[in-house]
Amino acid sequence: MALAVDVKRRRRTEALWGYAFLTPQLIGLIAFMVGPLVFAIVLSFSSWDGLGSRTFVGLQNFIGVWQDAQLRQSWLNTAWFTALQVPGLLITGFFFAFFIQKAGRLTPFYRIFFFAPQVTSTVAVGAIWLWLLNPEISPINSLLKSLGLPNPPDWLQNPRTAIPAIVVVSIWQGLGYMIVMFVAGLQNISPTLMEAADIDGASEWQKLRRITVPLLSPTILFLSITSIIGSFQVFDYIYFFFDTTAPANAHTIVYDIVNFAFRQFKFGFAAAIAVYLFLILLVLTGLQFLAQKRWVHYTE
């Protein structure tokens, strides 16, 4: 009996110490994540300019989101950005990682070379690409003219090229992270599997399709989830390139949230947009987790 009491007391003490060490993290989680999320949900049912008292308006903000023509265009722009950026990042990241991990002693050099833009300030990246995309002084347009294209597009003002141009910038900056993650996944694939495949006479394409990609599927799942979330939240490139004068074809959802909240002072309406964005990302992430049962393979 005394031994059982001592065991329970020790477990209780260990649990209390565990809660004590978790408390700072839990406080931060509640203060900076759960708290603002709850406040945003409450605010989405209100009309508030940030200074006066809040007025309850029910579902008016949520209905207004879908009645706003610019917001409908922004949803389409954000979806188009995601559809271009996520596959572009995953495919190019895997392509470069696949060949970099075969570079032998030069692999660390290539990792640093490709990862450098990832740790570069977005403002610096934006400044470089703003020069590259400038129709009057752009070396890209000069190259296109030298190749025989008489009128290269105004990349950021042309409705057809604005979002693709921003996608190229985001892929260029985010490629290094993708490469590092894919290289780490490729290095975890057992060489014995490749040796067995070589003995069986498998081609490089068969090894890639039957061994490499299936064993990389957990990495692909993680990167696809984080990439989709990040692409729906794109804001910094648009803000740097256009500031407050972004054309309708370049607006994204987070850009409009900032506009409504901090320029028009419609905090309730902006919160309603943010709630929609949260729900969409929640659904997309849930669908990806459900779909992983069919294509993600975990090794023991």
C-alpha atoms as a PDB file:
ATOM      1  CA  MET A   1       0.000   0.000   0.000  1.00  0.00           C
ATOM      2  CA  ALA A   2       2.773   2.408   0.956  1.00  0.00           C
ATOM      3  CA  LEU A   3       4.610   1.594  -2.285  1.00  0.00           C
ATOM      4  CA  ALA A   4       1.508   2.341  -4.367  1.00  0.00           C
ATOM      5  CA  VAL A   5       1.041   5.681  -2.569  1.00  0.00           C
ATOM      6  CA  ASP A   6       4.680   6.588  -3.248  1.00  0.00           C
ATOM      7  CA  VAL A   7       4.308   5.722  -6.943  1.00  0.00           C
ATOM      8  CA  LYS A   8       1.178   7.884  -7.260  1.00  0.00           C
ATOM      9  CA  ARG A   9       2.869  10.732  -5.410  1.00  0.00           C
ATOM     10  CA  ARG A  10       5.929  10.508  -7.675  1.00  0.00           C
ATOM     11  CA  ARG A  11       3.766  10.472 -10.799  1.00  0.00           C
ATOM     12  CA  ARG A  12       1.797  13.466  -9.523  1.00  0.00           C
ATOM     13  CA  THR A  13       5.033  15.337  -8.824  1.00  0.00           C
ATOM     14  CA  GLU A  14       6.385  14.522 -12.295  1.00  0.00           C
ATOM     15  CA  ALA A  15       3.115  15.670 -13.863  1.00  0.00           C
ATOM     16  CA  LEU A  16       3.246  18.958 -11.949  1.00  0.00           C
ATOM     17  CA  TRP A  17       6.822  19.550 -13.087  1.00  0.00           C
ATOM     18  CA  GLY A  18       5.775  18.765 -16.635  1.00  0.00           C
ATOM     19  CA  TYR A  19       2.925  21.290 -16.477  1.00  0.00           C
ATOM     20  CA  ALA A  20       5.303  23.821 -14.943  1.00  0.00           C
ATOM     21  CA  PHE A  21       7.728  23.523 -17.859  1.00  0.00           C
ATOM     22  CA  LEU A  22       4.858  23.654 -20.370  1.00  0.00           C
ATOM     23  CA  THR A  23       3.269  26.726 -18.813  1.00  0.00           C
ATOM     24  CA  PRO A  24       5.389  29.389 -20.583  1.00  0.00           C
ATOM     25  CA  GLN A  25       4.650  27.777 -23.955  1.00  0.00           C
ATOM     26  CA  LEU A  26       0.952  27.410 -23.150  1.00  0.00           C
ATOM     27  CA  ILE A  27       0.739  31.049 -22.086  1.00  0.00           C
ATOM     28  CA  GLY A  28       2.324  32.120 -25.362  1.00  0.00           C
ATOM     29  CA  LEU A  29       0.007  29.825 -27.329  1.00  0.00           C
ATOM     30  CA  ILE A  30      -3.086  31.249 -25.644  1.00  0.00           C
ATOM     31  CA  ALA A  31      -1.908  34.860 -25.767  1.00  0.00           C
ATOM     32  CA  PHE A  32      -0.660  34.953 -29.360  1.00  0.00           C
ATOM     33  CA  MET A  33      -2.656  32.252 -31.179  1.00  0.00           C
ATOM     34  CA  VAL A  34      -5.818  31.061 -29.450  1.00  0.00           C
ATOM     35  CA  GLY A  35      -6.707  34.473 -28.027  1.00  0.00           C
ATOM     36  CA  PRO A  36      -6.402  36.402 -31.317  1.00  0.00           C
ATOM     37  CA  LEU A  37      -8.268  33.631 -33.144  1.00  0.00           C
ATOM     38  CA  VAL A  38     -11.215  33.803 -30.745  1.00  0.00           C
ATOM     39  CA  PHE A  39     -11.179  37.604 -30.878  1.00  0.00           C
ATOM     40  CA  ALA A  40     -11.164  37.545 -34.698  1.00  0.00           C
ATOM     41  CA  ILE A  41     -14.174  35.212 -34.740  1.00  0.00           C
ATOM     42  CA  VAL A  42     -16.056  37.470 -32.311  1.00  0.00           C
ATOM     43  CA  LEU A  43     -15.015  40.545 -34.281  1.00  0.00           C
ATOM     44  CA  SER A  44     -16.242  39.028 -37.557  1.00  0.00           C
ATOM     45  CA  PHE A  45     -19.831  39.338 -36.283  1.00  0.00           C
ATOM     46  CA  SER A  46     -19.313  43.027 -35.446  1.00  0.00           C
ATOM     47  CA  SER A  47     -18.823  46.415 -37.057  1.00  0.00           C
ATOM     48  CA  TRP A  48     -15.820  48.206 -35.560  1.00  0.00           C
ATOM     49  CA  ASP A  49     -13.458  50.928 -36.714  1.00  0.00           C
ATOM     50  CA  GLY A  50     -10.823  50.161 -34.100  1.00  0.00           C
ATOM     51  CA  LEU A  51     -11.650  53.080 -31.793  1.00  0.00           C
ATOM     52  CA  GLY A  52     -15.333  53.269 -30.891  1.00  0.00           C
ATOM     53  CA  SER A  53     -17.649  50.628 -29.535  1.00  0.00           C
ATOM     54  CA  ARG A  54     -18.362  47.445 -31.473  1.00  0.00           C
ATOM     55  CA  THR A  55     -21.793  46.893 -32.985  1.00  0.00           C
ATOM     56  CA  PHE A  56     -23.143  43.382 -33.483  1.00  0.00           C
ATOM     57  CA  VAL A  57     -24.182  42.868 -37.137  1.00  0.00           C
ATOM     58  CA  GLY A  58     -24.716  39.095 -37.254  1.00  0.00           C
ATOM     59  CA  LEU A  59     -23.833  37.499 -40.596  1.00  0.00           C
ATOM     60  CA  GLN A  60     -23.742  40.796 -42.468  1.00  0.00           C
ATOM     61  CA  ASN A  61     -19.943  40.779 -42.816  1.00  0.00           C
ATOM     62  CA  PHE A  62     -19.856  37.176 -44.060  1.00  0.00           C
ATOM     63  CA  ILE A  63     -22.549  37.896 -46.659  1.00  0.00           C
ATOM     64  CA  GLY A  64     -20.792  41.084 -47.716  1.00  0.00           C
ATOM     65  CA  VAL A  65     -17.570  39.215 -48.424  1.00  0.00           C
ATOM     66  CA  TRP A  66     -19.209  37.321 -51.310  1.00  0.00           C
ATOM     67  CA  GLN A  67     -21.030  40.397 -52.584  1.00  0.00           C
ATOM     68  CA  ASP A  68     -17.797  42.356 -53.057  1.00  0.00           C
ATOM     69  CA  ALA A  69     -16.625  42.044 -56.675  1.00  0.00           C
ATOM     70  CA  GLN A  70     -12.996  42.878 -55.822  1.00  0.00           C
ATOM     71  CA  LEU A  71     -12.904  40.172 -53.157  1.00  0.00           C
ATOM     72  CA  ARG A  72     -14.237  37.598 -55.613  1.00  0.00           C
ATOM     73  CA  GLN A  73     -11.414  38.557 -57.948  1.00  0.00           C
ATOM     74  CA  SER A  74      -8.942  38.353 -55.064  1.00  0.00           C
ATOM     75  CA  TRP A  75     -10.087  34.810 -54.231  1.00  0.00           C
ATOM     76  CA  LEU A  76      -9.509  33.848 -57.867  1.00  0.00           C
ATOM     77  CA  ASN A  77      -6.095  35.549 -57.878  1.00  0.00           C
ATOM     78  CA  THR A  78      -5.086  33.720 -54.700  1.00  0.00           C
ATOM     79  CA  ALA A  79      -6.270  30.368 -56.064  1.00  0.00           C
ATOM     80  CA  TRP A  80      -4.405  31.013 -59.322  1.00  0.00           C
ATOM     81  CA  PHE A  81      -1.253  31.943 -57.394  1.00  0.00           C
ATOM     82  CA  THR A  82      -1.528  28.730 -55.361  1.00  0.00           C
ATOM     83  CA  ALA A  83      -2.155  26.585 -58.433  1.00  0.00           C
ATOM     84  CA  LEU A  84       1.026  27.926 -60.036  1.00  0.00           C
ATOM     85  CA  GLN A  85       3.310  28.275 -57.035  1.00  0.00           C
ATOM     86  CA  VAL A  86       2.792  25.023 -55.123  1.00  0.00           C
ATOM     87  CA  PRO A  87       3.411  22.590 -58.017  1.00  0.00           C
ATOM     88  CA  GLY A  88       6.178  24.870 -59.280  1.00  0.00           C
ATOM     89  CA  LEU A  89       7.964  24.812 -55.934  1.00  0.00           C
ATOM     90  CA  LEU A  90       7.546  21.078 -55.401  1.00  0.00           C
ATOM     91  CA  ILE A  91       8.627  20.072 -58.899  1.00  0.00           C
ATOM     92  CA  THR A  92      11.609  22.414 -59.176  1.00  0.00           C
ATOM     93  CA  GLY A  93      12.651  21.678 -55.595  1.00  0.00           C
ATOM     94  CA  PHE A  94      12.618  17.931 -56.212  1.00  0.00           C
ATOM     95  CA  PHE A  95      14.353  18.307 -59.590  1.00  0.00           C
ATOM     96  CA  PHE A  96      17.294  20.275 -58.184  1.00  0.00           C
ATOM     97  CA  ALA A  97      17.510  18.177 -55.010  1.00  0.00           C
ATOM     98  CA  PHE A  98      17.617  14.958 -57.029  1.00  0.00           C
ATOM     99  CA  PHE A  99      20.680  16.124 -58.950  1.00  0.00           C
ATOM    100  CA  ILE A 100      22.314  18.020 -56.083  1.00  0.00           C
ATOM    101  CA  GLN A 101      22.437  14.924 -53.889  1.00  0.00           C
ATOM    102  CA  LYS A 102      24.437  13.252 -56.682  1.00  0.00           C
ATOM    103  CA  ALA A 103      27.015  16.053 -56.663  1.00  0.00           C
ATOM    104  CA  GLY A 104      29.196  14.349 -54.061  1.00  0.00           C
ATOM    105  CA  ARG A 105      31.481  16.751 -52.246  1.00  0.00           C
ATOM    106  CA  LEU A 106      29.843  19.760 -53.917  1.00  0.00           C
ATOM    107  CA  THR A 107      26.450  19.006 -52.353  1.00  0.00           C
ATOM    108  CA  PRO A 108      26.989  21.334 -49.309  1.00  0.00           C
ATOM    109  CA  PHE A 109      28.076  24.153 -51.646  1.00  0.00           C
ATOM    110  CA  TYR A 110      24.936  23.819 -53.774  1.00  0.00           C
ATOM    111  CA  ARG A 111      22.782  23.711 -50.645  1.00  0.00           C
ATOM    112  CA  ILE A 112      24.184  27.045 -49.476  1.00  0.00           C
ATOM    113  CA  PHE A 113      23.985  28.517 -52.982  1.00  0.00           C
ATOM    114  CA  PHE A 114      20.291  27.693 -53.390  1.00  0.00           C
ATOM    115  CA  PHE A 115      19.365  28.408 -49.766  1.00  0.00           C
ATOM    116  CA  ALA A 116      20.810  31.938 -49.743  1.00  0.00           C
ATOM    117  CA  PRO A 117      17.639  33.604 -51.126  1.00  0.00           C
ATOM    118  CA  GLN A 118      15.593  31.900 -48.412  1.00  0.00           C
ATOM    119  CA  VAL A 119      17.409  33.820 -45.670  1.00  0.00           C
ATOM    120  CA  THR A 120      17.500  37.047 -47.658  1.00  0.00           C
ATOM    121  CA  SER A 121      15.106  39.808 -46.648  1.00  0.00           C
ATOM    122  CA  THR A 122      11.918  39.845 -48.714  1.00  0.00           C
ATOM    123  CA  VAL A 123      12.414  43.591 -49.179  1.00  0.00           C
ATOM    124  CA  ALA A 124      15.828  42.974 -50.744  1.00  0.00           C
ATOM    125  CA  VAL A 125      14.428  40.218 -52.936  1.00  0.00           C
ATOM    126  CA  GLY A 126      11.546  42.467 -53.959  1.00  0.00           C
ATOM    127  CA  ALA A 127      13.913  45.308 -54.836  1.00  0.00           C
ATOM    128  CA  ILE A 128      16.001  43.047 -57.062  1.00  0.00           C
ATOM    129  CA  TRP A 129      13.006  41.640 -58.883  1.00  0.00           C
ATOM    130  CA  LEU A 130      11.324  45.030 -59.172  1.00  0.00           C
ATOM    131  CA  TRP A 131      14.343  46.062 -61.223  1.00  0.00           C
ATOM    132  CA  LEU A 132      14.317  42.809 -63.214  1.00  0.00           C
ATOM    133  CA  LEU A 133      10.614  43.194 -64.010  1.00  0.00           C
ATOM    134  CA  ASN A 134      10.712  46.891 -64.830  1.00  0.00           C
ATOM    135  CA  PRO A 135       9.638  47.137 -68.500  1.00  0.00           C
ATOM    136  CA  GLU A 136      11.944  50.080 -69.279  1.00  0.00           C
ATOM    137  CA  ILE A 137      15.229  48.897 -67.742  1.00  0.00           C
ATOM    138  CA  SER A 138      14.586  45.165 -67.323  1.00  0.00           C
ATOM    139  CA  PRO A 139      17.461  42.964 -68.524  1.00  0.00           C
ATOM    140  CA  ILE A 140      14.840  40.237 -69.009  1.00  0.00           C
ATOM    141  CA  ASN A 141      12.953  42.376 -71.512  1.00  0.00           C
ATOM    142  CA  SER A 142      16.226  43.357 -73.192  1.00  0.00           C
ATOM    143  CA  LEU A 143      17.048  39.685 -73.618  1.00  0.00           C
ATOM    144  CA  LEU A 144      13.601  38.971 -75.044  1.00  0.00           C
ATOM    145  CA  LYS A 145      13.962  41.848 -77.505  1.00  0.00           C
ATOM    146  CA  SER A 146      17.346  40.528 -78.605  1.00  0.00           C
ATOM    147  CA  LEU A 147      15.685  37.166 -79.251  1.00  0.00           C
ATOM    148  CA  GLY A 148      13.178  38.812 -81.562  1.00  0.00           C
ATOM    149  CA  LEU A 149      10.208  39.567 -79.306  1.00  0.00           C
ATOM    150  CA  PRO A 150       9.264  43.146 -80.264  1.00  0.00           C
ATOM    151  CA  ASN A 151       7.038  44.069 -77.314  1.00  0.00           C
ATOM    152  CA  PRO A 152       7.859  42.209 -74.094  1.00  0.00           C
ATOM    153  CA  PRO A 153       5.094  42.516 -71.504  1.00  0.00           C
ATOM    154  CA  ASP A 154       4.908  44.910 -68.594  1.00  0.00           C
ATOM    155  CA  TRP A 155       5.174  42.017 -66.179  1.00  0.00           C
ATOM    156  CA  LEU A 156       3.523  43.541 -63.113  1.00  0.00           C
ATOM    157  CA  GLN A 157       0.867  45.640 -64.837  1.00  0.00           C
ATOM    158  CA  ASN A 158      -0.257  43.191 -67.489  1.00  0.00           C
ATOM    159  CA  PRO A 159      -3.303  41.245 -66.170  1.00  0.00           C
ATOM    160  CA  ARG A 160      -2.019  38.030 -67.763  1.00  0.00           C
ATOM    161  CA  THR A 161       1.489  38.175 -66.326  1.00  0.00           C
ATOM    162  CA  ALA A 162       1.129  39.890 -62.917  1.00  0.00           C
ATOM    163  CA  ILE A 163       0.373  36.774 -60.865  1.00  0.00           C
ATOM    164  CA  PRO A 164       2.770  34.495 -62.819  1.00  0.00           C
ATOM    165  CA  ALA A 165       5.549  37.074 -62.348  1.00  0.00           C
ATOM    166  CA  ILE A 166       4.966  37.142 -58.580  1.00  0.00           C
ATOM    167  CA  VAL A 167       4.914  33.328 -58.612  1.00  0.00           C
ATOM    168  CA  VAL A 168       8.361  33.285 -60.220  1.00  0.00           C
ATOM    169  CA  VAL A 169       9.715  35.580 -57.504  1.00  0.00           C
ATOM    170  CA  SER A 170       8.241  33.463 -54.710  1.00  0.00           C
ATOM    171  CA  ILE A 171       9.581  30.231 -56.246  1.00  0.00           C
ATOM    172  CA  TRP A 172      13.030  31.776 -56.620  1.00  0.00           C
ATOM    173  CA  GLN A 173      13.121  32.755 -52.950  1.00  0.00           C
ATOM    174  CA  GLY A 174      11.497  29.597 -51.557  1.00  0.00           C
ATOM    175  CA  LEU A 175      13.367  27.074 -53.692  1.00  0.00           C
ATOM    176  CA  GLY A 176      16.251  26.669 -51.240  1.00  0.00           C
ATOM    177  CA  TYR A 177      14.022  25.448 -48.423  1.00  0.00           C
ATOM    178  CA  MET A 178      12.409  22.898 -50.730  1.00  0.00           C
ATOM    179  CA  ILE A 179      15.797  21.642 -51.881  1.00  0.00           C
ATOM    180  CA  VAL A 180      17.107  21.212 -48.339  1.00  0.00           C
ATOM    181  CA  MET A 181      13.998  19.272 -47.315  1.00  0.00           C
ATOM    182  CA  PHE A 182      14.082  17.047 -50.391  1.00  0.00           C
ATOM    183  CA  VAL A 183      17.815  16.393 -50.082  1.00  0.00           C
ATOM    184  CA  ALA A 184      17.284  15.336 -46.460  1.00  0.00           C
ATOM    185  CA  GLY A 185      14.510  12.982 -47.569  1.00  0.00           C
ATOM    186  CA  LEU A 186      16.602  11.521 -50.381  1.00  0.00           C
ATOM    187  CA  GLN A 187      19.518  10.865 -48.047  1.00  0.00           C
ATOM    188  CA  ASN A 188      17.228   8.879 -45.750  1.00  0.00           C
ATOM    189  CA  ILE A 189      16.406   6.395 -48.517  1.00  0.00           C
ATOM    190  CA  SER A 190      18.371   3.212 -47.876  1.00  0.00           C
ATOM    191  CA  PRO A 191      21.064   2.580 -50.532  1.00  0.00           C
ATOM    192  CA  THR A 192      20.337  -1.150 -50.288  1.00  0.00           C
ATOM    193  CA  LEU A 193      16.955  -0.568 -51.935  1.00  0.00           C
ATOM    194  CA  MET A 194      18.631   1.079 -54.916  1.00  0.00           C
ATOM    195  CA  GLU A 195      21.245  -1.683 -55.078  1.00  0.00           C
ATOM    196  CA  ALA A 196      18.528  -4.327 -55.069  1.00  0.00           C
ATOM    197  CA  ALA A 197      16.709  -2.464 -57.836  1.00  0.00           C
ATOM    198  CA  ASP A 198      19.924  -2.310 -59.887  1.00  0.00           C
ATOM    199  CA  ILE A 199      20.397  -6.058 -59.468  1.00  0.00           C
ATOM    200  CA  ASP A 200      16.833  -6.616 -60.678  1.00  0.00           C
ATOM    201  CA  GLY A 201      17.573  -4.512 -63.761  1.00  0.00           C
ATOM    202  CA  ALA A 202      15.375  -1.527 -62.907  1.00  0.00           C
ATOM    203  CA  SER A 203      15.874   1.609 -64.981  1.00  0.00           C
ATOM    204  CA  GLU A 204      16.457   5.063 -63.486  1.00  0.00           C
ATOM    205  CA  TRP A 205      12.845   6.001 -64.240  1.00  0.00           C
ATOM    206  CA  GLN A 206      11.536   2.830 -62.557  1.00  0.00           C
ATOM    207  CA  LYS A 207      13.669   3.480 -59.467  1.00  0.00           C
ATOM    208  CA  LEU A 208      12.440   7.053 -59.340  1.00  0.00           C
ATOM    209  CA  ARG A 209       8.784   6.077 -59.744  1.00  0.00           C
ATOM    210  CA  ARG A 210       8.708   2.925 -57.639  1.00  0.00           C
ATOM    211  CA  ILE A 211      11.206   3.706 -54.864  1.00  0.00           C
ATOM    212  CA  THR A 212      12.254   7.347 -54.614  1.00  0.00           C
ATOM    213  CA  VAL A 213       8.893   9.112 -54.933  1.00  0.00           C
ATOM    214  CA  PRO A 214       6.934   6.680 -52.673  1.00  0.00           C
ATOM    215  CA  LEU A 215       9.574   6.922 -49.930  1.00  0.00           C
ATOM    216  CA  LEU A 216       9.578  10.719 -50.279  1.00  0.00           C
ATOM    217  CA  SER A 217       5.789  10.906 -49.985  1.00  0.00           C
ATOM    218  CA  PRO A 218       5.812  11.970 -46.272  1.00  0.00           C
ATOM    219  CA  THR A 219       8.146  14.844 -47.190  1.00  0.00           C
ATOM    220  CA  ILE A 220       5.963  15.753 -50.173  1.00  0.00           C
ATOM    221  CA  LEU A 221       2.868  15.754 -47.931  1.00  0.00           C
ATOM    222  CA  PHE A 222       4.481  18.065 -45.383  1.00  0.00           C
ATOM    223  CA  LEU A 223       5.802  20.451 -48.031  1.00  0.00           C
ATOM    224  CA  SER A 224       2.506  20.533 -49.929  1.00  0.00           C
ATOM    225  CA  ILE A 225       0.555  21.403 -46.758  1.00  0.00           C
ATOM    226  CA  THR A 226       2.935  24.161 -45.689  1.00  0.00           C
ATOM    227  CA  SER A 227       3.223  25.490 -49.250  1.00  0.00           C
ATOM    228  CA  ILE A 228      -0.536  25.740 -49.739  1.00  0.00           C
ATOM    229  CA  ILE A 229      -0.940  27.530 -46.412  1.00  0.00           C
ATOM    230  CA  GLY A 230       1.877  29.930 -47.296  1.00  0.00           C
ATOM    231  CA  SER A 231       0.572  30.598 -50.813  1.00  0.00           C
ATOM    232  CA  PHE A 232      -2.895  31.515 -49.548  1.00  0.00           C
ATOM    233  CA  GLN A 233      -1.250  33.987 -47.169  1.00  0.00           C
ATOM    234  CA  VAL A 234       0.939  35.746 -49.750  1.00  0.00           C
ATOM    235  CA  PHE A 235       1.116  39.461 -49.075  1.00  0.00           C
ATOM    236  CA  ASP A 236       4.642  40.824 -48.854  1.00  0.00           C
ATOM    237  CA  TYR A 237       5.494  40.669 -52.573  1.00  0.00           C
ATOM    238  CA  ILE A 238       2.268  42.394 -53.594  1.00  0.00           C
ATOM    239  CA  TYR A 239       2.711  45.073 -50.948  1.00  0.00           C
ATOM    240  CA  PHE A 240       6.315  45.772 -51.971  1.00  0.00           C
ATOM    241  CA  PHE A 241       5.637  45.794 -55.714  1.00  0.00           C
ATOM    242  CA  PHE A 242       2.451  47.874 -55.616  1.00  0.00           C
ATOM    243  CA  ASP A 243       2.062  49.364 -52.107  1.00  0.00           C
ATOM    244  CA  THR A 244      -1.498  50.755 -52.063  1.00  0.00           C
ATOM    245  CA  THR A 245      -1.954  50.853 -55.842  1.00  0.00           C
ATOM    246  CA  ALA A 246      -2.133  47.164 -56.705  1.00  0.00           C
ATOM    247  CA  PRO A 247      -4.331  46.559 -59.771  1.00  0.00           C
ATOM    248  CA  ALA A 248      -7.381  44.336 -59.357  1.00  0.00           C
ATOM    249  CA  ASN A 249      -5.636  41.448 -61.103  1.00  0.00           C
ATOM    250  CA  ALA A 250      -2.840  41.452 -58.489  1.00  0.00           C
ATOM    251  CA  HIS A 251      -4.902  41.609 -55.276  1.00  0.00           C
ATOM    252  CA  THR A 252      -4.735  38.616 -52.951  1.00  0.00           C
ATOM    253  CA  ILE A 253      -6.895  37.810 -49.952  1.00  0.00           C
ATOM    254  CA  VAL A 254      -4.383  38.811 -47.276  1.00  0.00           C
ATOM    255  CA  TYR A 255      -3.629  42.025 -49.179  1.00  0.00           C
ATOM    256  CA  ASP A 256      -7.358  42.843 -49.056  1.00  0.00           C
ATOM    257  CA  ILE A 257      -7.568  41.927 -45.372  1.00  0.00           C
ATOM    258  CA  VAL A 258      -4.839  44.492 -44.648  1.00  0.00           C
ATOM    259  CA  ASN A 259      -6.573  47.065 -46.854  1.00  0.00           C
ATOM    260  CA  PHE A 260      -9.947  46.696 -45.158  1.00  0.00           C
ATOM    261  CA  ALA A 261      -8.513  46.556 -41.637  1.00  0.00           C
ATOM    262  CA  PHE A 262      -5.727  49.152 -41.628  1.00  0.00           C
ATOM    263  CA  ARG A 263      -6.670  51.498 -44.466  1.00  0.00           C
ATOM    264  CA  GLN A 264     -10.466  51.488 -44.440  1.00  0.00           C
ATOM    265  CA  PHE A 265     -10.711  50.616 -40.712  1.00  0.00           C
ATOM    266  CA  LYS A 266     -13.374  47.946 -41.304  1.00  0.00           C
ATOM    267  CA  PHE A 267     -11.976  45.526 -38.755  1.00  0.00           C
ATOM    268  CA  GLY A 268     -15.110  43.418 -38.519  1.00  0.00           C
ATOM    269  CA  PHE A 269     -15.304  42.954 -42.274  1.00  0.00           C
ATOM    270  CA  ALA A 270     -11.586  42.128 -42.445  1.00  0.00           C
ATOM    271  CA  ALA A 271     -12.026  39.600 -39.634  1.00  0.00           C
ATOM    272  CA  ALA A 272     -14.829  37.910 -41.600  1.00  0.00           C
ATOM    273  CA  ILE A 273     -12.487  37.509 -44.575  1.00  0.00           C
ATOM    274  CA  ALA A 274      -9.829  36.085 -42.249  1.00  0.00           C
ATOM    275  CA  VAL A 275     -12.322  33.576 -40.834  1.00  0.00           C
ATOM    276  CA  TYR A 276     -13.199  32.433 -44.355  1.00  0.00           C
ATOM    277  CA  LEU A 277      -9.494  32.056 -45.112  1.00  0.00           C
ATOM    278  CA  PHE A 278      -8.971  30.069 -41.901  1.00  0.00           C
ATOM    279  CA  LEU A 279     -11.846  27.710 -42.740  1.00  0.00           C
ATOM    280  CA  ILE A 280     -10.655  27.181 -46.308  1.00  0.00           C
ATOM    281  CA  LEU A 281      -7.128  26.330 -45.157  1.00  0.00           C
ATOM    282  CA  LEU A 282      -8.540  24.058 -42.456  1.00  0.00           C
ATOM    283  CA  VAL A 283     -10.616  22.161 -45.021  1.00  0.00           C
ATOM    284  CA  LEU A 284      -7.760  21.887 -47.517  1.00  0.00           C
ATOM    285  CA  THR A 285      -5.378  20.606 -44.842  1.00  0.00           C
ATOM    286  CA  GLY A 286      -7.979  18.107 -43.626  1.00  0.00           C
ATOM    287  CA  LEU A 287      -8.515  16.825 -47.168  1.00  0.00           C
ATOM    288  CA  GLN A 288      -4.783  16.357 -47.608  1.00  0.00           C
ATOM    289  CA  PHE A 289      -4.568  14.360 -44.387  1.00  0.00           C
ATOM    290  CA  LEU A 290      -7.478  12.188 -45.535  1.00  0.00           C
ATOM    291  CA  ALA A 291      -5.936  11.652 -48.966  1.00  0.00           C
ATOM    292  CA  GLN A 292      -2.559  10.653 -47.501  1.00  0.00           C
ATOM    293  CA  LYS A 293      -3.902   7.165 -46.729  1.00  0.00           C
ATOM    294  CA  ARG A 294      -3.865   6.424 -50.455  1.00  0.00           C
ATOM    295  CA  TRP A 295      -0.506   7.789 -51.535  1.00  0.00           C
ATOM    296  CA  VAL A 296       1.741   8.438 -48.519  1.00  0.00           C
ATOM    297  CA  HIS A 297       4.003   5.546 -47.513  1.00  0.00           C
ATOM    298  CA  TYR A 298       5.695   5.527 -44.116  1.00  0.00           C
ATOM    299  CA  THR A 299       8.708   3.297 -43.511  1.00  0.00           C
ATOM    300  CA  GLU A 300       9.184   1.454 -40.243  1.00  0.00           C
END
